[in-house]
Amino acid sequence: MKSVDEVIDSFSGMITREQATAIANGDDPQDPPGETESAAGLLEFVKTVKGSKKREDIVKVYMVDIEDVIYRVFNEVVYKQGAKTSRRRTVTLGRDGNTINIVLFDRLSEQIDDEGFERGCRMVARNASLDVLKESLLGTKNTAVSRLSPSGSAITDFSKLHEGDKNVDILGRVIEVSPVRYVTQIGRNGQTPVSDCRLTDSRNSIDVNLWGSSALIVERMHVNDTVKIEFCSVRNLGAKLQISANDLSRVLIMR
């Protein structure tokens, strides 16, 4: 049996000591899901556990397997814990009304981009940690993720874009890219990264305005790269259409 400190380390330090103690010492009489579950199945299991016990009697963490469609992929976030730099990414699995987040760290977060995990793909995560109270999943050092099928759902003909479109995915080739700059937003502390690029579908081109974590991706972007932008919106600026992407979007450079 692992010690509490070993459990915390296996989660890259991203769980509480209480959660780690539950994993190290807790044997829950309620059996966890025994087979690979969908997001809806895990949420139903969570509902059952919460409804059958007092809050103080709930074992908060289970190790589970999940397979479902990727609803949303967020950009990777780099953060520091003392002298250590780590990477974190959230992936949302399931469908409208039945979605669950899985938070992935370091190698797993990097794998999502390296292997082209996209919105609409089927994803499998094995040995993920289900936090019952937060209704979310965490990847550990023992977690493995894989992609079963590509989505092929991105818009590749920019003439099909319309003002007011939201939560769309587009795919194009970079023909211009601007460096990151920082602006101060009213009502927000600190500065927000902002950048711009221009994509082409080989016939039409469109400007893309990037904010937050999406803007930081341009530091790795080059002319002629193929780029997919997920969960972006379309607006009209100066009588021409423009794509807008922010922290809720995802920018993927298709190497």
C-alpha atoms as a PDB file:
ATOM      1  CA  MET A   1       0.000   0.000   0.000  1.00  0.00           C
ATOM      2  CA  LYS A   2       1.337   3.461  -0.902  1.00  0.00           C
ATOM      3  CA  SER A   3       1.966   6.086   1.751  1.00  0.00           C
ATOM      4  CA  VAL A   4       0.007   9.340   1.693  1.00  0.00           C
ATOM      5  CA  ASP A   5       3.074  11.230   0.417  1.00  0.00           C
ATOM      6  CA  GLU A   6       3.565   8.689  -2.383  1.00  0.00           C
ATOM      7  CA  VAL A   7      -0.066   9.130  -3.425  1.00  0.00           C
ATOM      8  CA  ILE A   8       0.305  12.929  -3.476  1.00  0.00           C
ATOM      9  CA  ASP A   9       3.434  12.591  -5.624  1.00  0.00           C
ATOM     10  CA  SER A  10       1.632  10.297  -8.084  1.00  0.00           C
ATOM     11  CA  PHE A  11      -0.886  13.120  -8.642  1.00  0.00           C
ATOM     12  CA  SER A  12       1.905  15.681  -9.244  1.00  0.00           C
ATOM     13  CA  GLY A  13       0.922  17.320  -5.942  1.00  0.00           C
ATOM     14  CA  MET A  14      -2.476  18.363  -7.292  1.00  0.00           C
ATOM     15  CA  ILE A  15      -4.689  16.644  -4.691  1.00  0.00           C
ATOM     16  CA  THR A  16      -5.258  17.448  -1.040  1.00  0.00           C
ATOM     17  CA  ARG A  17      -3.815  15.375   1.806  1.00  0.00           C
ATOM     18  CA  GLU A  18      -7.384  14.381   2.707  1.00  0.00           C
ATOM     19  CA  GLN A  19      -7.936  12.975  -0.787  1.00  0.00           C
ATOM     20  CA  ALA A  20      -4.570  11.191  -0.701  1.00  0.00           C
ATOM     21  CA  THR A  21      -5.403   9.655   2.690  1.00  0.00           C
ATOM     22  CA  ALA A  22      -8.684   8.332   1.270  1.00  0.00           C
ATOM     23  CA  ILE A  23      -6.780   6.644  -1.560  1.00  0.00           C
ATOM     24  CA  ALA A  24      -4.044   5.255   0.719  1.00  0.00           C
ATOM     25  CA  ASN A  25      -6.289   3.953   3.497  1.00  0.00           C
ATOM     26  CA  GLY A  26      -9.911   3.886   2.418  1.00  0.00           C
ATOM     27  CA  ASP A  27     -11.765   0.714   1.400  1.00  0.00           C
ATOM     28  CA  ASP A  28     -15.223   1.765   0.286  1.00  0.00           C
ATOM     29  CA  PRO A  29     -18.063  -0.802   0.655  1.00  0.00           C
ATOM     30  CA  GLN A  30     -19.638   0.715  -2.489  1.00  0.00           C
ATOM     31  CA  ASP A  31     -17.998  -1.011  -5.471  1.00  0.00           C
ATOM     32  CA  PRO A  32     -16.550   1.405  -8.040  1.00  0.00           C
ATOM     33  CA  PRO A  33     -17.477   0.967 -11.711  1.00  0.00           C
ATOM     34  CA  GLY A  34     -15.955  -2.317 -12.848  1.00  0.00           C
ATOM     35  CA  GLU A  35     -15.890  -1.657 -16.578  1.00  0.00           C
ATOM     36  CA  THR A  36     -14.945   1.201 -18.856  1.00  0.00           C
ATOM     37  CA  GLU A  37     -17.640   3.833 -18.384  1.00  0.00           C
ATOM     38  CA  SER A  38     -18.943   6.754 -20.409  1.00  0.00           C
ATOM     39  CA  ALA A  39     -19.163  10.246 -18.919  1.00  0.00           C
ATOM     40  CA  ALA A  40     -22.880   9.681 -18.351  1.00  0.00           C
ATOM     41  CA  GLY A  41     -22.150   6.372 -16.584  1.00  0.00           C
ATOM     42  CA  LEU A  42     -19.616   7.942 -14.229  1.00  0.00           C
ATOM     43  CA  LEU A  43     -21.941  10.831 -13.422  1.00  0.00           C
ATOM     44  CA  GLU A  44     -24.715   8.357 -12.611  1.00  0.00           C
ATOM     45  CA  PHE A  45     -22.310   6.447 -10.340  1.00  0.00           C
ATOM     46  CA  VAL A  46     -21.395   9.713  -8.570  1.00  0.00           C
ATOM     47  CA  LYS A  47     -25.085  10.530  -8.117  1.00  0.00           C
ATOM     48  CA  THR A  48     -25.703   7.087  -6.610  1.00  0.00           C
ATOM     49  CA  VAL A  49     -22.785   7.384  -4.171  1.00  0.00           C
ATOM     50  CA  LYS A  50     -23.807  10.863  -3.038  1.00  0.00           C
ATOM     51  CA  GLY A  51     -27.412   9.818  -2.603  1.00  0.00           C
ATOM     52  CA  SER A  52     -26.652   6.710  -0.549  1.00  0.00           C
ATOM     53  CA  LYS A  53     -24.283   8.113   2.081  1.00  0.00           C
ATOM     54  CA  LYS A  54     -23.687  11.024   4.360  1.00  0.00           C
ATOM     55  CA  ARG A  55     -21.056  13.410   3.035  1.00  0.00           C
ATOM     56  CA  GLU A  56     -18.580  12.480   5.787  1.00  0.00           C
ATOM     57  CA  ASP A  57     -18.902   8.762   4.907  1.00  0.00           C
ATOM     58  CA  ILE A  58     -18.163   9.154   1.210  1.00  0.00           C
ATOM     59  CA  VAL A  59     -14.824   7.837   0.006  1.00  0.00           C
ATOM     60  CA  LYS A  60     -13.902  10.690  -2.249  1.00  0.00           C
ATOM     61  CA  VAL A  61     -11.658   9.032  -4.845  1.00  0.00           C
ATOM     62  CA  TYR A  62     -12.006   5.962  -7.088  1.00  0.00           C
ATOM     63  CA  MET A  63      -9.740   4.681  -9.847  1.00  0.00           C
ATOM     64  CA  VAL A  64     -11.785   4.284 -13.041  1.00  0.00           C
ATOM     65  CA  ASP A  65     -11.579   3.828 -16.815  1.00  0.00           C
ATOM     66  CA  ILE A  66     -13.564   6.078 -19.153  1.00  0.00           C
ATOM     67  CA  GLU A  67     -14.241   6.096 -22.885  1.00  0.00           C
ATOM     68  CA  ASP A  68     -16.232   8.858 -24.541  1.00  0.00           C
ATOM     69  CA  VAL A  69     -16.239  11.562 -27.194  1.00  0.00           C
ATOM     70  CA  ILE A  70     -14.088  14.648 -26.614  1.00  0.00           C
ATOM     71  CA  TYR A  71     -16.451  17.584 -26.156  1.00  0.00           C
ATOM     72  CA  ARG A  72     -13.764  20.222 -25.574  1.00  0.00           C
ATOM     73  CA  VAL A  73      -9.977  20.465 -25.279  1.00  0.00           C
ATOM     74  CA  PHE A  74      -8.458  23.439 -23.488  1.00  0.00           C
ATOM     75  CA  ASN A  75      -5.042  24.935 -24.189  1.00  0.00           C
ATOM     76  CA  GLU A  76      -2.196  23.753 -22.015  1.00  0.00           C
ATOM     77  CA  VAL A  77      -1.408  25.997 -19.039  1.00  0.00           C
ATOM     78  CA  VAL A  78       2.138  26.291 -17.681  1.00  0.00           C
ATOM     79  CA  TYR A  79       2.462  27.101 -13.990  1.00  0.00           C
ATOM     80  CA  LYS A  80       5.127  27.091 -11.293  1.00  0.00           C
ATOM     81  CA  GLN A  81       5.223  25.340  -7.931  1.00  0.00           C
ATOM     82  CA  GLY A  82       8.295  26.793  -6.277  1.00  0.00           C
ATOM     83  CA  ALA A  83      11.253  26.003  -8.510  1.00  0.00           C
ATOM     84  CA  LYS A  84       9.346  23.358 -10.464  1.00  0.00           C
ATOM     85  CA  THR A  85       7.526  24.136 -13.707  1.00  0.00           C
ATOM     86  CA  SER A  86       4.554  21.940 -14.587  1.00  0.00           C
ATOM     87  CA  ARG A  87       1.985  21.774 -17.381  1.00  0.00           C
ATOM     88  CA  ARG A  88      -1.733  21.190 -17.008  1.00  0.00           C
ATOM     89  CA  ARG A  89      -4.624  20.739 -19.423  1.00  0.00           C
ATOM     90  CA  THR A  90      -8.347  20.074 -19.042  1.00  0.00           C
ATOM     91  CA  VAL A  91     -10.232  17.834 -21.475  1.00  0.00           C
ATOM     92  CA  THR A  92     -14.045  17.621 -21.340  1.00  0.00           C
ATOM     93  CA  LEU A  93     -15.554  14.245 -22.265  1.00  0.00           C
ATOM     94  CA  GLY A  94     -19.164  13.421 -23.102  1.00  0.00           C
ATOM     95  CA  ARG A  95     -22.063  15.252 -24.701  1.00  0.00           C
ATOM     96  CA  ASP A  96     -24.257  18.226 -23.823  1.00  0.00           C
ATOM     97  CA  GLY A  97     -25.841  17.638 -20.433  1.00  0.00           C
ATOM     98  CA  ASN A  98     -23.528  14.728 -19.523  1.00  0.00           C
ATOM     99  CA  THR A  99     -19.934  15.960 -19.535  1.00  0.00           C
ATOM    100  CA  ILE A 100     -17.080  15.397 -17.137  1.00  0.00           C
ATOM    101  CA  ASN A 101     -13.641  17.027 -16.997  1.00  0.00           C
ATOM    102  CA  ILE A 102     -10.350  15.178 -16.800  1.00  0.00           C
ATOM    103  CA  VAL A 103      -7.291  17.199 -15.771  1.00  0.00           C
ATOM    104  CA  LEU A 104      -4.003  15.956 -17.240  1.00  0.00           C
ATOM    105  CA  PHE A 105      -0.488  16.905 -16.213  1.00  0.00           C
ATOM    106  CA  ASP A 106       2.908  17.118 -17.911  1.00  0.00           C
ATOM    107  CA  ARG A 107       3.446  14.089 -20.244  1.00  0.00           C
ATOM    108  CA  LEU A 108      -0.296  13.404 -20.558  1.00  0.00           C
ATOM    109  CA  SER A 109      -1.032  17.041 -21.317  1.00  0.00           C
ATOM    110  CA  GLU A 110       1.730  17.076 -23.933  1.00  0.00           C
ATOM    111  CA  GLN A 111       0.420  13.838 -25.467  1.00  0.00           C
ATOM    112  CA  ILE A 112      -2.934  15.481 -26.233  1.00  0.00           C
ATOM    113  CA  ASP A 113      -1.253  17.855 -28.711  1.00  0.00           C
ATOM    114  CA  ASP A 114       1.475  15.509 -29.933  1.00  0.00           C
ATOM    115  CA  GLU A 115      -1.015  12.815 -30.979  1.00  0.00           C
ATOM    116  CA  GLY A 116      -3.664  15.189 -32.313  1.00  0.00           C
ATOM    117  CA  PHE A 117      -6.510  14.623 -29.838  1.00  0.00           C
ATOM    118  CA  GLU A 118      -9.345  16.783 -31.176  1.00  0.00           C
ATOM    119  CA  ARG A 119     -12.905  17.735 -30.427  1.00  0.00           C
ATOM    120  CA  GLY A 120     -15.093  14.876 -31.679  1.00  0.00           C
ATOM    121  CA  CYS A 121     -12.456  12.128 -31.283  1.00  0.00           C
ATOM    122  CA  ARG A 122     -13.197   9.184 -29.015  1.00  0.00           C
ATOM    123  CA  MET A 123     -10.776   9.126 -26.099  1.00  0.00           C
ATOM    124  CA  VAL A 124      -9.962   6.392 -23.594  1.00  0.00           C
ATOM    125  CA  ALA A 125      -8.415   7.156 -20.203  1.00  0.00           C
ATOM    126  CA  ARG A 126      -7.400   4.224 -18.010  1.00  0.00           C
ATOM    127  CA  ASN A 127      -6.558   4.385 -14.294  1.00  0.00           C
ATOM    128  CA  ALA A 128      -7.872   7.914 -13.902  1.00  0.00           C
ATOM    129  CA  SER A 129      -8.860   9.205 -10.479  1.00  0.00           C
ATOM    130  CA  LEU A 130     -12.544  10.069 -10.045  1.00  0.00           C
ATOM    131  CA  ASP A 131     -13.161  12.754  -7.412  1.00  0.00           C
ATOM    132  CA  VAL A 132     -16.736  12.106  -6.294  1.00  0.00           C
ATOM    133  CA  LEU A 133     -17.315  15.436  -4.573  1.00  0.00           C
ATOM    134  CA  LYS A 134     -15.887  17.538  -7.429  1.00  0.00           C
ATOM    135  CA  GLU A 135     -17.413  15.241 -10.088  1.00  0.00           C
ATOM    136  CA  SER A 136     -14.203  15.355 -12.097  1.00  0.00           C
ATOM    137  CA  LEU A 137     -11.235  13.182 -13.060  1.00  0.00           C
ATOM    138  CA  LEU A 138      -7.490  13.561 -12.535  1.00  0.00           C
ATOM    139  CA  GLY A 139      -4.699  11.892 -14.456  1.00  0.00           C
ATOM    140  CA  THR A 140      -1.978  10.274 -12.352  1.00  0.00           C
ATOM    141  CA  LYS A 141       1.410   8.792 -13.175  1.00  0.00           C
ATOM    142  CA  ASN A 142      -0.405   5.488 -13.777  1.00  0.00           C
ATOM    143  CA  THR A 143      -2.993   6.978 -16.147  1.00  0.00           C
ATOM    144  CA  ALA A 144      -2.827   6.122 -19.865  1.00  0.00           C
ATOM    145  CA  VAL A 145      -4.790   7.947 -22.562  1.00  0.00           C
ATOM    146  CA  SER A 146      -5.397   6.973 -26.182  1.00  0.00           C
ATOM    147  CA  ARG A 147      -7.316   8.305 -29.172  1.00  0.00           C
ATOM    148  CA  LEU A 148      -9.620   5.938 -31.042  1.00  0.00           C
ATOM    149  CA  SER A 149     -10.745   7.973 -34.048  1.00  0.00           C
ATOM    150  CA  PRO A 150     -10.270  11.441 -35.549  1.00  0.00           C
ATOM    151  CA  SER A 151     -13.208  13.811 -35.798  1.00  0.00           C
ATOM    152  CA  GLY A 152     -12.888  15.343 -39.269  1.00  0.00           C
ATOM    153  CA  SER A 153     -15.481  17.939 -38.233  1.00  0.00           C
ATOM    154  CA  ALA A 154     -13.519  21.184 -38.658  1.00  0.00           C
ATOM    155  CA  ILE A 155     -14.621  23.777 -41.221  1.00  0.00           C
ATOM    156  CA  THR A 156     -12.052  23.892 -44.034  1.00  0.00           C
ATOM    157  CA  ASP A 157     -14.025  26.155 -46.399  1.00  0.00           C
ATOM    158  CA  PHE A 158     -14.073  29.649 -44.867  1.00  0.00           C
ATOM    159  CA  SER A 159     -16.935  30.725 -47.163  1.00  0.00           C
ATOM    160  CA  LYS A 160     -19.194  28.637 -44.905  1.00  0.00           C
ATOM    161  CA  LEU A 161     -18.475  30.876 -41.907  1.00  0.00           C
ATOM    162  CA  HIS A 162     -21.125  33.414 -40.872  1.00  0.00           C
ATOM    163  CA  GLU A 163     -21.225  36.318 -38.465  1.00  0.00           C
ATOM    164  CA  GLY A 164     -22.448  35.148 -35.066  1.00  0.00           C
ATOM    165  CA  ASP A 165     -21.244  31.543 -35.422  1.00  0.00           C
ATOM    166  CA  LYS A 166     -20.135  30.220 -32.029  1.00  0.00           C
ATOM    167  CA  ASN A 167     -18.278  27.159 -30.778  1.00  0.00           C
ATOM    168  CA  VAL A 168     -17.069  26.263 -34.275  1.00  0.00           C
ATOM    169  CA  ASP A 169     -13.844  24.511 -35.280  1.00  0.00           C
ATOM    170  CA  ILE A 170     -11.803  25.747 -38.245  1.00  0.00           C
ATOM    171  CA  LEU A 171      -8.744  24.360 -40.010  1.00  0.00           C
ATOM    172  CA  GLY A 172      -6.391  26.430 -42.171  1.00  0.00           C
ATOM    173  CA  ARG A 173      -2.806  27.250 -43.139  1.00  0.00           C
ATOM    174  CA  VAL A 174      -0.963  30.148 -41.501  1.00  0.00           C
ATOM    175  CA  ILE A 175       0.012  32.943 -43.898  1.00  0.00           C
ATOM    176  CA  GLU A 176       0.728  35.665 -41.322  1.00  0.00           C
ATOM    177  CA  VAL A 177       1.466  35.643 -37.604  1.00  0.00           C
ATOM    178  CA  SER A 178       2.064  38.526 -35.178  1.00  0.00           C
ATOM    179  CA  PRO A 179       4.091  38.460 -31.952  1.00  0.00           C
ATOM    180  CA  VAL A 180       2.377  38.337 -28.581  1.00  0.00           C
ATOM    181  CA  ARG A 181       1.621  41.656 -26.940  1.00  0.00           C
ATOM    182  CA  TYR A 182       0.130  42.365 -23.522  1.00  0.00           C
ATOM    183  CA  VAL A 183      -2.838  44.587 -22.702  1.00  0.00           C
ATOM    184  CA  THR A 184      -4.580  45.702 -19.525  1.00  0.00           C
ATOM    185  CA  GLN A 185      -8.290  44.883 -19.402  1.00  0.00           C
ATOM    186  CA  ILE A 186     -10.695  46.990 -17.383  1.00  0.00           C
ATOM    187  CA  GLY A 187     -11.732  45.185 -14.212  1.00  0.00           C
ATOM    188  CA  ARG A 188      -8.983  42.549 -14.405  1.00  0.00           C
ATOM    189  CA  ASN A 189      -5.693  42.378 -12.550  1.00  0.00           C
ATOM    190  CA  GLY A 190      -2.474  41.925 -14.474  1.00  0.00           C
ATOM    191  CA  GLN A 191      -2.037  41.903 -18.219  1.00  0.00           C
ATOM    192  CA  THR A 192      -3.620  39.645 -20.821  1.00  0.00           C
ATOM    193  CA  PRO A 193      -1.634  38.210 -23.765  1.00  0.00           C
ATOM    194  CA  VAL A 194      -3.061  39.073 -27.180  1.00  0.00           C
ATOM    195  CA  SER A 195      -1.970  38.150 -30.701  1.00  0.00           C
ATOM    196  CA  ASP A 196      -3.206  37.825 -34.274  1.00  0.00           C
ATOM    197  CA  CYS A 197      -2.671  35.499 -37.197  1.00  0.00           C
ATOM    198  CA  ARG A 198      -4.159  35.017 -40.635  1.00  0.00           C
ATOM    199  CA  LEU A 199      -5.299  31.671 -42.014  1.00  0.00           C
ATOM    200  CA  THR A 200      -6.144  30.539 -45.519  1.00  0.00           C
ATOM    201  CA  ASP A 201      -8.224  27.642 -46.840  1.00  0.00           C
ATOM    202  CA  SER A 202      -6.293  27.933 -50.162  1.00  0.00           C
ATOM    203  CA  ARG A 203      -9.096  30.097 -51.626  1.00  0.00           C
ATOM    204  CA  ASN A 204     -10.168  32.513 -48.910  1.00  0.00           C
ATOM    205  CA  SER A 205      -8.328  33.980 -45.922  1.00  0.00           C
ATOM    206  CA  ILE A 206      -9.510  35.197 -42.538  1.00  0.00           C
ATOM    207  CA  ASP A 207      -7.989  37.127 -39.631  1.00  0.00           C
ATOM    208  CA  VAL A 208      -7.842  35.446 -36.240  1.00  0.00           C
ATOM    209  CA  ASN A 209      -7.747  37.437 -32.992  1.00  0.00           C
ATOM    210  CA  LEU A 210      -6.311  35.448 -30.080  1.00  0.00           C
ATOM    211  CA  TRP A 211      -6.570  36.176 -26.356  1.00  0.00           C
ATOM    212  CA  GLY A 212      -5.209  34.554 -23.188  1.00  0.00           C
ATOM    213  CA  SER A 213      -3.853  31.014 -23.473  1.00  0.00           C
ATOM    214  CA  SER A 214      -4.794  30.916 -27.169  1.00  0.00           C
ATOM    215  CA  ALA A 215      -2.547  33.926 -27.863  1.00  0.00           C
ATOM    216  CA  LEU A 216       0.462  32.227 -26.276  1.00  0.00           C
ATOM    217  CA  ILE A 217       0.328  29.381 -28.814  1.00  0.00           C
ATOM    218  CA  VAL A 218       1.566  31.740 -31.572  1.00  0.00           C
ATOM    219  CA  GLU A 219       5.008  31.645 -29.951  1.00  0.00           C
ATOM    220  CA  ARG A 220       5.284  28.157 -31.488  1.00  0.00           C
ATOM    221  CA  MET A 221       3.439  29.025 -34.713  1.00  0.00           C
ATOM    222  CA  HIS A 222       5.123  29.599 -38.098  1.00  0.00           C
ATOM    223  CA  VAL A 223       3.990  30.604 -41.571  1.00  0.00           C
ATOM    224  CA  ASN A 224       2.768  27.534 -43.525  1.00  0.00           C
ATOM    225  CA  ASP A 225       1.833  25.635 -40.351  1.00  0.00           C
ATOM    226  CA  THR A 226      -1.571  23.950 -40.487  1.00  0.00           C
ATOM    227  CA  VAL A 227      -3.612  25.101 -37.500  1.00  0.00           C
ATOM    228  CA  LYS A 228      -6.902  23.930 -36.029  1.00  0.00           C
ATOM    229  CA  ILE A 229      -8.838  26.291 -33.744  1.00  0.00           C
ATOM    230  CA  GLU A 230     -11.592  24.687 -31.673  1.00  0.00           C
ATOM    231  CA  PHE A 231     -14.488  26.443 -29.902  1.00  0.00           C
ATOM    232  CA  CYS A 232     -13.920  29.788 -31.599  1.00  0.00           C
ATOM    233  CA  SER A 233     -16.494  32.384 -32.669  1.00  0.00           C
ATOM    234  CA  VAL A 234     -17.053  34.507 -35.773  1.00  0.00           C
ATOM    235  CA  ARG A 235     -17.697  38.234 -35.636  1.00  0.00           C
ATOM    236  CA  ASN A 236     -17.900  41.118 -38.076  1.00  0.00           C
ATOM    237  CA  LEU A 237     -15.154  43.719 -37.793  1.00  0.00           C
ATOM    238  CA  GLY A 238     -14.919  46.548 -40.308  1.00  0.00           C
ATOM    239  CA  ALA A 239     -17.226  44.849 -42.823  1.00  0.00           C
ATOM    240  CA  LYS A 240     -15.218  41.635 -42.843  1.00  0.00           C
ATOM    241  CA  LEU A 241     -15.392  38.453 -40.805  1.00  0.00           C
ATOM    242  CA  GLN A 242     -12.889  37.702 -38.059  1.00  0.00           C
ATOM    243  CA  ILE A 243     -12.301  34.640 -35.907  1.00  0.00           C
ATOM    244  CA  SER A 244     -12.024  35.160 -32.149  1.00  0.00           C
ATOM    245  CA  ALA A 245     -10.405  32.634 -29.799  1.00  0.00           C
ATOM    246  CA  ASN A 246      -9.768  32.923 -26.055  1.00  0.00           C
ATOM    247  CA  ASP A 247      -9.103  30.839 -22.933  1.00  0.00           C
ATOM    248  CA  LEU A 248     -12.196  28.739 -23.658  1.00  0.00           C
ATOM    249  CA  SER A 249     -10.885  27.897 -27.138  1.00  0.00           C
ATOM    250  CA  ARG A 250      -8.079  25.553 -28.130  1.00  0.00           C
ATOM    251  CA  VAL A 251      -5.348  26.161 -30.724  1.00  0.00           C
ATOM    252  CA  LEU A 252      -3.649  23.063 -32.157  1.00  0.00           C
ATOM    253  CA  ILE A 253      -0.650  23.226 -34.473  1.00  0.00           C
ATOM    254  CA  MET A 254      -0.914  20.157 -36.697  1.00  0.00           C
ATOM    255  CA  ARG A 255       2.715  19.059 -37.067  1.00  0.00           C
END
